[in-house]
Protein backbone atom coordinates (compact mmCIF):
# COMPACT_ATOMS: atom_id res chain seq x y z
CA UNK A 1 37.56 -133.82 -203.23
CA UNK A 2 40.54 -136.26 -202.89
CA UNK A 3 40.74 -138.89 -205.84
CA UNK A 4 40.31 -142.66 -205.00
CA UNK A 5 43.45 -144.58 -205.96
CA UNK A 6 42.84 -148.45 -206.63
CA UNK A 7 45.57 -151.02 -207.76
CA UNK A 8 45.62 -154.74 -208.46
CA UNK A 9 46.17 -157.40 -205.82
CA UNK A 10 48.76 -160.31 -207.29
CA UNK A 11 48.01 -162.19 -205.13
CA UNK A 12 44.35 -162.14 -204.39
CA UNK A 13 43.68 -161.26 -208.15
CA UNK A 14 41.42 -158.76 -207.14
CA UNK A 15 41.30 -154.71 -207.70
CA UNK A 16 41.21 -153.14 -204.31
CA UNK A 17 41.02 -150.00 -203.03
CA UNK A 18 44.31 -148.23 -201.89
CA UNK A 19 44.32 -146.82 -198.66
CA UNK A 20 46.46 -143.55 -198.19
CA UNK A 21 48.16 -143.00 -194.54
CA UNK A 22 49.09 -139.44 -193.10
CA UNK A 23 52.77 -140.78 -193.54
CA UNK A 24 52.65 -140.93 -197.06
CA UNK A 25 50.97 -137.69 -197.22
CA UNK A 26 53.84 -136.42 -195.45
CA UNK A 27 56.28 -137.99 -197.42
CA UNK A 28 55.21 -137.06 -200.60
CA UNK A 29 54.86 -133.56 -199.21
CA UNK A 30 58.32 -133.49 -197.80
CA UNK A 31 59.46 -134.57 -201.17
CA UNK A 32 57.67 -132.05 -203.08
CA UNK A 33 59.49 -129.46 -200.66
CA UNK A 34 62.40 -130.64 -201.35
CA UNK A 35 62.45 -130.28 -205.13
CA UNK A 36 61.35 -127.17 -205.11
CA UNK A 37 64.10 -125.48 -202.87
CA UNK A 38 66.82 -127.82 -204.51
CA UNK A 39 64.96 -126.26 -207.93
CA UNK A 40 64.64 -122.65 -206.74
CA UNK A 41 67.95 -122.47 -205.68
CA UNK A 42 69.38 -123.69 -208.96
CA UNK A 43 67.31 -120.86 -210.21
CA UNK A 44 68.55 -118.14 -207.96
CA UNK A 45 72.32 -119.31 -208.29
CA UNK A 46 71.62 -119.04 -212.12
CA UNK A 47 70.14 -116.00 -212.17
CA UNK A 48 72.43 -114.57 -209.55
CA UNK A 49 75.84 -115.48 -211.73
CA UNK A 50 74.32 -114.78 -215.17
CA UNK A 51 71.44 -112.01 -215.13
CA UNK A 52 71.76 -108.32 -213.64
CA UNK A 53 69.09 -107.10 -211.24
CA UNK A 54 67.52 -103.73 -212.17
CA UNK A 55 69.77 -102.20 -209.38
CA UNK A 56 72.72 -104.32 -210.60
CA UNK A 57 72.32 -102.92 -213.98
CA UNK A 58 71.62 -99.05 -212.91
CA UNK A 59 74.46 -99.33 -210.42
CA UNK A 60 76.73 -100.86 -213.73
CA UNK A 61 75.38 -97.63 -215.70
CA UNK A 62 76.45 -95.40 -212.86
CA UNK A 63 80.15 -96.90 -213.01
CA UNK A 64 80.50 -96.65 -216.72
CA UNK A 65 79.23 -92.91 -216.43
CA UNK A 66 81.78 -92.58 -213.63
CA UNK A 67 84.29 -94.20 -215.94
CA UNK A 68 83.27 -91.52 -218.63
CA UNK A 69 83.57 -88.87 -216.16
CA UNK A 70 87.04 -89.60 -215.24
CA UNK A 71 88.37 -89.93 -218.82
CA UNK A 72 87.02 -86.23 -219.44
CA UNK A 73 88.87 -85.33 -216.18
CA UNK A 74 92.13 -87.13 -217.60
CA UNK A 75 91.93 -85.41 -220.73
CA UNK A 76 91.14 -81.81 -219.18
CA UNK A 77 94.14 -82.56 -216.74
CA UNK A 78 96.39 -83.20 -219.86
CA UNK A 79 94.88 -79.69 -221.52
CA UNK A 80 96.08 -78.27 -217.82
CA UNK A 81 99.50 -79.69 -218.09
CA UNK A 82 100.02 -78.32 -221.86
CA UNK A 83 99.53 -74.94 -220.43
CA UNK A 84 100.93 -75.07 -217.63
CA UNK A 85 104.20 -76.73 -219.64
CA UNK A 86 103.64 -73.42 -221.68
CA UNK A 87 103.90 -70.80 -218.82
CA UNK A 88 106.96 -72.98 -217.69
CA UNK A 89 109.19 -72.39 -220.63
CA UNK A 90 108.50 -68.80 -221.07
CA UNK A 91 109.04 -68.31 -217.31
CA UNK A 92 112.40 -70.17 -218.09
CA UNK A 93 113.36 -68.73 -221.57
CA UNK A 94 111.82 -65.09 -221.56
CA UNK A 95 110.79 -64.02 -218.55
CA UNK A 96 113.64 -65.06 -216.16
CA UNK A 97 116.25 -64.55 -219.67
CA UNK A 98 115.12 -60.58 -219.41
CA UNK A 99 115.76 -60.22 -215.84
CA UNK A 100 118.93 -61.88 -215.86
CA UNK A 101 118.32 -65.14 -213.38
CA UNK A 102 118.70 -68.44 -213.79
CA UNK A 103 115.88 -70.82 -214.57
CA UNK A 104 113.91 -73.25 -212.55
CA UNK A 105 116.02 -76.42 -212.64
CA UNK A 106 113.45 -79.50 -213.97
CA UNK A 107 114.35 -81.45 -211.13
CA UNK A 108 112.43 -78.71 -208.94
CA UNK A 109 109.93 -78.44 -211.25
CA UNK A 110 109.09 -81.80 -211.50
CA UNK A 111 109.37 -83.05 -207.76
CA UNK A 112 107.66 -85.64 -206.49
CA UNK A 113 104.51 -84.92 -204.39
CA UNK A 114 104.05 -86.88 -200.83
CA UNK A 115 105.40 -90.38 -199.77
CA UNK A 116 105.48 -93.81 -201.14
CA UNK A 117 101.92 -94.50 -199.69
CA UNK A 118 100.32 -91.35 -200.53
CA UNK A 119 97.80 -93.52 -202.79
CA UNK A 120 97.78 -97.01 -201.06
CA UNK A 121 93.93 -95.34 -199.34
CA UNK A 122 92.86 -95.64 -203.43
CA UNK A 123 93.74 -99.51 -203.77
CA UNK A 124 91.99 -102.49 -203.86
CA UNK A 125 88.95 -101.36 -205.51
CA UNK A 126 88.01 -102.51 -209.35
CA UNK A 127 88.87 -99.34 -210.50
CA UNK A 128 91.91 -98.04 -208.63
CA UNK A 129 94.23 -97.67 -211.52
CA UNK A 130 91.71 -94.87 -213.17
CA UNK A 131 91.28 -92.95 -209.93
CA UNK A 132 95.24 -93.48 -208.93
CA UNK A 133 95.97 -92.22 -212.05
CA UNK A 134 93.86 -89.44 -211.67
CA UNK A 135 95.02 -88.36 -208.38
CA UNK A 136 98.74 -88.66 -209.51
CA UNK A 137 97.86 -85.93 -212.41
CA UNK A 138 95.89 -83.98 -210.36
CA UNK A 139 98.82 -84.01 -207.51
CA UNK A 140 101.89 -83.39 -210.47
CA UNK A 141 99.81 -80.14 -211.54
CA UNK A 142 99.28 -78.51 -207.80
CA UNK A 143 103.01 -79.25 -207.13
CA UNK A 144 103.82 -77.73 -210.52
CA UNK A 145 101.76 -74.59 -209.75
CA UNK A 146 102.75 -74.06 -206.45
CA UNK A 147 106.88 -73.92 -208.02
CA UNK A 148 105.39 -71.46 -210.62
CA UNK A 149 103.34 -69.29 -208.30
CA UNK A 150 106.63 -68.93 -206.25
CA UNK A 151 108.48 -68.21 -209.34
CA UNK A 152 106.41 -65.59 -210.54
CA UNK A 153 106.67 -63.87 -207.03
CA UNK A 154 110.19 -63.71 -207.58
CA UNK A 155 110.32 -62.44 -211.30
CA UNK A 156 107.45 -59.77 -209.43
CA UNK A 157 110.32 -58.72 -207.65
CA UNK A 158 112.70 -58.48 -210.29
CA UNK A 159 110.20 -56.38 -212.34
CA UNK A 160 109.79 -54.16 -209.56
CA UNK A 161 113.48 -53.45 -208.93
CA UNK A 162 114.15 -53.80 -212.76
CA UNK A 163 115.21 -50.05 -213.02
CA UNK A 164 117.81 -50.63 -209.95
CA UNK A 165 119.08 -53.78 -212.09
CA UNK A 166 119.06 -51.83 -215.46
CA UNK A 167 121.32 -48.91 -213.65
CA UNK A 168 123.76 -51.50 -211.97
CA UNK A 169 124.26 -53.70 -215.24
CA UNK A 170 127.23 -52.42 -217.10
CA UNK A 171 126.51 -50.90 -219.82
CA UNK A 172 128.60 -48.30 -221.27
CA UNK A 173 132.93 -47.83 -221.89
CA UNK A 174 135.21 -47.30 -219.04
CA UNK A 175 136.91 -44.82 -220.49
CA UNK A 176 135.75 -41.71 -222.62
CA UNK A 177 136.61 -42.56 -225.98
CA UNK A 178 135.09 -42.35 -229.57
CA UNK A 179 137.84 -43.70 -232.00
CA UNK A 180 137.78 -47.65 -231.97
CA UNK A 181 141.36 -47.86 -233.18
CA UNK A 182 142.34 -46.88 -229.35
CA UNK A 183 141.18 -50.35 -228.29
CA UNK A 184 144.63 -52.10 -227.96
CA UNK A 185 143.27 -55.59 -227.59
CA UNK A 186 139.84 -57.36 -227.25
CA UNK A 187 138.53 -60.43 -225.58
CA UNK A 188 139.41 -64.06 -226.72
CA UNK A 189 142.73 -66.04 -227.28
CA UNK A 190 145.21 -63.30 -228.10
CA UNK A 191 149.53 -63.53 -228.03
CA UNK A 192 150.42 -62.81 -224.55
CA UNK A 193 153.25 -59.71 -225.47
CA UNK A 194 155.18 -61.29 -222.70
CA UNK A 195 155.51 -64.83 -223.13
CA UNK A 196 154.55 -64.77 -227.10
CA UNK A 197 152.11 -67.91 -226.16
CA UNK A 198 148.28 -67.45 -227.19
CA UNK A 199 146.21 -67.80 -223.80
CA UNK A 200 143.03 -66.53 -222.91
CA UNK A 201 142.60 -62.43 -222.65
CA UNK A 202 139.80 -62.23 -220.43
CA UNK A 203 139.27 -58.66 -221.02
CA UNK A 204 139.48 -55.36 -223.31
CA UNK A 205 142.42 -52.98 -223.45
CA UNK A 206 141.60 -49.64 -223.66
CA UNK A 207 144.89 -47.49 -224.61
CA UNK A 208 145.02 -44.06 -223.58
CA UNK A 209 147.50 -41.55 -221.62
CA UNK A 210 148.25 -42.14 -218.14
CA UNK A 211 145.87 -39.97 -216.10
CA UNK A 212 142.84 -40.69 -218.16
CA UNK A 213 139.55 -40.78 -215.86
CA UNK A 214 138.19 -44.37 -215.56
CA UNK A 215 134.46 -44.29 -214.88
CA UNK A 216 132.71 -46.68 -213.50
CA UNK A 217 130.28 -48.88 -215.97
CA UNK A 218 127.35 -49.38 -213.66
CA UNK A 219 126.03 -48.59 -210.24
CA UNK A 220 127.84 -50.90 -207.67
CA UNK A 221 129.85 -51.24 -204.76
CA UNK A 222 133.78 -51.45 -204.39
CA UNK A 223 134.74 -54.42 -202.96
CA UNK A 224 138.92 -54.05 -204.21
CA UNK A 225 140.62 -51.10 -204.41
CA UNK A 226 144.36 -52.60 -204.18
CA UNK A 227 147.66 -53.23 -206.09
CA UNK A 228 147.59 -56.66 -207.63
CA UNK A 229 150.73 -58.92 -207.16
CA UNK A 230 149.02 -60.87 -209.96
CA UNK A 231 149.82 -58.78 -212.50
CA UNK A 232 146.90 -56.21 -212.68
CA UNK A 233 148.94 -53.73 -210.35
CA UNK A 234 146.57 -51.24 -209.31
CA UNK A 235 143.27 -52.60 -209.70
CA UNK A 236 139.07 -52.03 -208.80
CA UNK A 237 136.90 -54.39 -208.50
CA UNK A 238 133.01 -53.52 -208.93
CA UNK A 239 130.46 -55.69 -207.68
CA UNK A 240 127.29 -54.49 -209.44
CA UNK A 241 124.62 -57.30 -207.88
CA UNK A 242 122.30 -59.78 -210.41
CA UNK A 243 125.26 -61.78 -210.92
CA UNK A 244 127.79 -59.02 -212.58
CA UNK A 245 131.51 -57.57 -211.48
CA UNK A 246 133.89 -55.45 -213.31
CA UNK A 247 137.57 -55.29 -213.10
CA UNK A 248 139.59 -51.98 -213.65
CA UNK A 249 143.44 -52.79 -213.79
CA UNK A 250 146.73 -51.13 -214.61
CA UNK A 251 145.27 -47.83 -212.88
CA UNK A 252 147.62 -45.06 -212.34
CA UNK A 253 145.86 -43.91 -209.18
CA UNK A 254 142.64 -45.26 -207.47
CA UNK A 255 140.79 -42.95 -206.22
CA UNK A 256 137.78 -45.52 -204.84
CA UNK A 257 137.56 -46.67 -201.60
CA UNK A 258 136.70 -50.04 -200.40
CA UNK A 259 132.95 -50.22 -199.41
CA UNK A 260 132.36 -47.23 -201.40
CA UNK A 261 129.28 -46.79 -203.43
CA UNK A 262 129.33 -45.41 -206.88
CA UNK A 263 127.27 -44.86 -210.07
CA UNK A 264 127.62 -45.12 -213.37
CA UNK A 265 129.83 -42.64 -215.09
CA UNK A 266 131.35 -41.79 -211.27
CA UNK A 267 135.57 -41.66 -211.74
CA UNK A 268 136.94 -44.34 -210.00
CA UNK A 269 140.48 -44.33 -210.95
CA UNK A 270 142.99 -42.94 -213.97
CA UNK A 271 144.48 -45.07 -216.25
CA UNK A 272 148.58 -45.83 -216.19
CA UNK A 273 150.96 -48.75 -216.87
CA UNK A 274 151.24 -50.25 -213.26
CA UNK A 275 151.29 -54.25 -213.27
CA UNK A 276 152.27 -56.77 -216.11
CA UNK A 277 151.53 -53.60 -218.77
CA UNK A 278 153.54 -52.69 -222.10
CA UNK A 279 152.01 -49.45 -222.65
CA UNK A 280 149.55 -46.81 -220.56
CA UNK A 281 146.02 -48.49 -221.05
CA UNK A 282 142.97 -49.75 -219.13
CA UNK A 283 142.45 -53.95 -218.65
CA UNK A 284 138.84 -54.03 -218.33
CA UNK A 285 136.59 -57.03 -217.67
CA UNK A 286 133.13 -58.14 -217.15
CA UNK A 287 131.86 -61.49 -215.19
CA UNK A 288 128.98 -62.95 -215.20
CA UNK A 289 128.35 -65.29 -212.24
CA UNK A 290 132.16 -65.72 -211.40
CA UNK A 291 132.97 -66.32 -215.37
CA UNK A 292 134.51 -63.77 -217.55
CA UNK A 293 132.31 -62.66 -220.54
CA UNK A 294 132.73 -60.52 -223.56
CA UNK A 295 132.63 -56.99 -222.46
CA UNK A 296 132.01 -55.37 -225.87
CA UNK A 297 128.20 -56.77 -225.07
CA UNK A 298 128.00 -54.30 -222.79
CA UNK A 299 128.46 -51.00 -224.56
CA UNK A 300 124.89 -50.67 -225.82
CA UNK A 301 124.48 -47.06 -223.86
CA UNK A 302 127.51 -45.76 -225.56
CA UNK A 303 127.89 -46.85 -229.24
CA UNK A 304 125.76 -46.81 -232.60
CA UNK A 305 124.70 -50.15 -234.27
CA UNK A 306 127.35 -49.34 -237.02
CA UNK A 307 129.96 -48.52 -234.15
CA UNK A 308 128.78 -51.96 -232.61
CA UNK A 309 129.26 -54.06 -236.02
CA UNK A 310 132.53 -52.52 -236.73
CA UNK A 311 133.82 -53.78 -233.33
CA UNK A 312 132.64 -57.25 -233.57
CA UNK A 313 134.79 -57.19 -237.00
CA UNK A 314 137.87 -55.96 -234.92
CA UNK A 315 137.65 -58.27 -232.63
CA UNK A 316 137.49 -61.42 -234.57
CA UNK A 317 141.27 -60.43 -235.79
CA UNK A 318 143.91 -61.91 -234.02
CA UNK A 319 146.25 -59.56 -231.99
CA UNK A 320 148.72 -59.05 -229.33
CA UNK A 321 147.54 -57.97 -226.00
CA UNK A 322 148.60 -55.12 -223.91
CA UNK A 323 149.32 -57.03 -220.44
């Protein structure tokens, strides 16, 4: 039941009943609705901005869980990277060294993966940095694993041809001598007998009578067998593969011919005194990838450890070459 309202009339000085019209009622209703809408709107804005809904809280917990999982994933990727780095180090410094092959350059192992815009599709999100960094790590590991896999394929092929490589690498003395005193001059800086100046002697001089057989020190192919006007006289060059070449100079006679395949221990020529030479001897050189190296490191099939130590000691003393 609606309440009856009264008010005091100042003109008639009487209390009169107030009659409420429909219009007044509508105004009051609309006013109440407007106030309720404003209050409700303000309340919604406050709730939306300062308080999370149950669904939003659940989503936030899920996002935090994803962040934790990404962190764990990144830690595992770091561990995989460490293992991969160890494999790369072993590959370069053990396996490839054993098989006398060059290590893989770091620029190849660390080569980039994909283009500049490869990760653009991952950008523009709240957690883009986490996702992008993880993807970059995974791509880098994938690229390095591919290079490492190809390297192991190469090492496997080298291992299969190990027997051939061992037979090819120079490993014996080119003349049959047992007296180390018959080595006239060693590898290194020595006095030139003609010009009396110190210069690099790129091989070892074996003194022996003219006609002493000269042997190939490893399996290979004869690539030169001719008279050399540069001072070597009659010279033979044998290419052994795997980066190795050997030279046999000042020969009195050449037996092997160019293009001939030779075996270790096979006679290819005879000691002489041709070219720039002061006495009958064999000048013997070993080249690895085009660079002369000390031949005494390639006699391991011929001499004992005591003889090798004596040879090292003799090679350290100054001397004059024979050519």
